[in-house]
PDB file of N, CA and C in Angstrom:
ATOM      1  N   UNK A   1     -27.663 -54.034  32.950  1.00  0.00           N
ATOM      2  CA  UNK A   1     -28.253 -54.888  31.914  1.00  0.00           C
ATOM      3  C   UNK A   1     -28.351 -54.108  30.594  1.00  0.00           C
ATOM      4  N   UNK A   2     -28.754 -52.861  30.658  1.00  0.00           N
ATOM      5  CA  UNK A   2     -28.856 -52.072  29.424  1.00  0.00           C
ATOM      6  C   UNK A   2     -27.478 -51.960  28.760  1.00  0.00           C
ATOM      7  N   UNK A   3     -26.446 -51.774  29.574  1.00  0.00           N
ATOM      8  CA  UNK A   3     -25.097 -51.636  29.013  1.00  0.00           C
ATOM      9  C   UNK A   3     -24.747 -52.867  28.185  1.00  0.00           C
ATOM     10  N   UNK A   4     -25.117 -54.038  28.669  1.00  0.00           N
ATOM     11  CA  UNK A   4     -24.817 -55.272  27.925  1.00  0.00           C
ATOM     12  C   UNK A   4     -25.444 -55.218  26.535  1.00  0.00           C
ATOM     13  N   UNK A   5     -26.656 -54.681  26.447  1.00  0.00           N
ATOM     14  CA  UNK A   5     -27.316 -54.621  25.123  1.00  0.00           C
ATOM     15  C   UNK A   5     -26.507 -53.746  24.181  1.00  0.00           C
ATOM     16  N   UNK A   6     -26.027 -52.600  24.675  1.00  0.00           N
ATOM     17  CA  UNK A   6     -25.232 -51.705  23.811  1.00  0.00           C
ATOM     18  C   UNK A   6     -23.959 -52.428  23.373  1.00  0.00           C
ATOM     19  N   UNK A   7     -23.342 -53.172  24.276  1.00  0.00           N
ATOM     20  CA  UNK A   7     -22.108 -53.895  23.925  1.00  0.00           C
ATOM     21  C   UNK A   7     -22.438 -54.932  22.856  1.00  0.00           C
ATOM     22  N   UNK A   8     -23.592 -55.577  22.986  1.00  0.00           N
ATOM     23  CA  UNK A   8     -23.968 -56.614  22.009  1.00  0.00           C
ATOM     24  C   UNK A   8     -23.974 -56.009  20.613  1.00  0.00           C
ATOM     25  N   UNK A   9     -24.547 -54.813  20.470  1.00  0.00           N
ATOM     26  CA  UNK A   9     -24.580 -54.179  19.131  1.00  0.00           C
ATOM     27  C   UNK A   9     -23.161 -53.810  18.695  1.00  0.00           C
ATOM     28  N   UNK A  10     -22.355 -53.359  19.639  1.00  0.00           N
ATOM     29  CA  UNK A  10     -20.995 -52.937  19.282  1.00  0.00           C
ATOM     30  C   UNK A  10     -20.099 -54.162  19.066  1.00  0.00           C
ATOM     31  N   UNK A  11     -20.247 -55.181  19.899  1.00  0.00           N
ATOM     32  CA  UNK A  11     -19.370 -56.366  19.796  1.00  0.00           C
ATOM     33  C   UNK A  11     -20.105 -57.598  20.330  1.00  0.00           C
ATOM     34  N   UNK A  12     -20.690 -58.389  19.475  1.00  0.00           N
ATOM     35  CA  UNK A  12     -21.417 -59.593  19.929  1.00  0.00           C
ATOM     36  C   UNK A  12     -20.525 -60.494  20.795  1.00  0.00           C
ATOM     37  N   UNK A  13     -19.249 -60.637  20.400  1.00  0.00           N
ATOM     38  CA  UNK A  13     -18.361 -61.505  21.194  1.00  0.00           C
ATOM     39  C   UNK A  13     -18.206 -60.934  22.601  1.00  0.00           C
ATOM     40  N   UNK A  14     -18.063 -59.633  22.708  1.00  0.00           N
ATOM     41  CA  UNK A  14     -17.894 -59.014  24.032  1.00  0.00           C
ATOM     42  C   UNK A  14     -19.128 -59.282  24.890  1.00  0.00           C
ATOM     43  N   UNK A  15     -20.310 -59.277  24.272  1.00  0.00           N
ATOM     44  CA  UNK A  15     -21.535 -59.508  25.054  1.00  0.00           C
ATOM     45  C   UNK A  15     -21.475 -60.895  25.695  1.00  0.00           C
ATOM     46  N   UNK A  16     -20.961 -61.878  24.970  1.00  0.00           N
ATOM     47  CA  UNK A  16     -20.899 -63.245  25.531  1.00  0.00           C
ATOM     48  C   UNK A  16     -20.066 -63.215  26.812  1.00  0.00           C
ATOM     49  N   UNK A  17     -18.926 -62.538  26.779  1.00  0.00           N
ATOM     50  CA  UNK A  17     -18.073 -62.469  27.979  1.00  0.00           C
ATOM     51  C   UNK A  17     -18.828 -61.796  29.116  1.00  0.00           C
ATOM     52  N   UNK A  18     -19.542 -60.742  28.825  1.00  0.00           N
ATOM     53  CA  UNK A  18     -20.278 -60.027  29.891  1.00  0.00           C
ATOM     54  C   UNK A  18     -21.330 -60.959  30.483  1.00  0.00           C
ATOM     55  N   UNK A  19     -22.016 -61.703  29.623  1.00  0.00           N
ATOM     56  CA  UNK A  19     -23.045 -62.627  30.137  1.00  0.00           C
ATOM     57  C   UNK A  19     -22.393 -63.628  31.096  1.00  0.00           C
ATOM     58  N   UNK A  20     -21.235 -64.158  30.743  1.00  0.00           N
ATOM     59  CA  UNK A  20     -20.571 -65.133  31.621  1.00  0.00           C
ATOM     60  C   UNK A  20     -20.214 -64.478  32.951  1.00  0.00           C
ATOM     61  N   UNK A  21     -19.731 -63.245  32.902  1.00  0.00           N
ATOM     62  CA  UNK A  21     -19.343 -62.555  34.153  1.00  0.00           C
ATOM     63  C   UNK A  21     -20.585 -62.348  35.022  1.00  0.00           C
ATOM     64  N   UNK A  22     -21.694 -61.974  34.392  1.00  0.00           N
ATOM     65  CA  UNK A  22     -22.925 -61.744  35.182  1.00  0.00           C
ATOM     66  C   UNK A  22     -23.330 -63.056  35.854  1.00  0.00           C
ATOM     67  N   UNK A  23     -23.194 -64.147  35.138  1.00  0.00           N
ATOM     68  CA  UNK A  23     -23.603 -65.444  35.705  1.00  0.00           C
ATOM     69  C   UNK A  23     -22.603 -65.837  36.767  1.00  0.00           C
TER      70      UNK A  23
END
């Protein structure tokens, strides 16, 4: 979960993909 936050700061679009994968 923490990794997703770092990705969000680095790439908001990438965070969306990670959220979908987690779901």
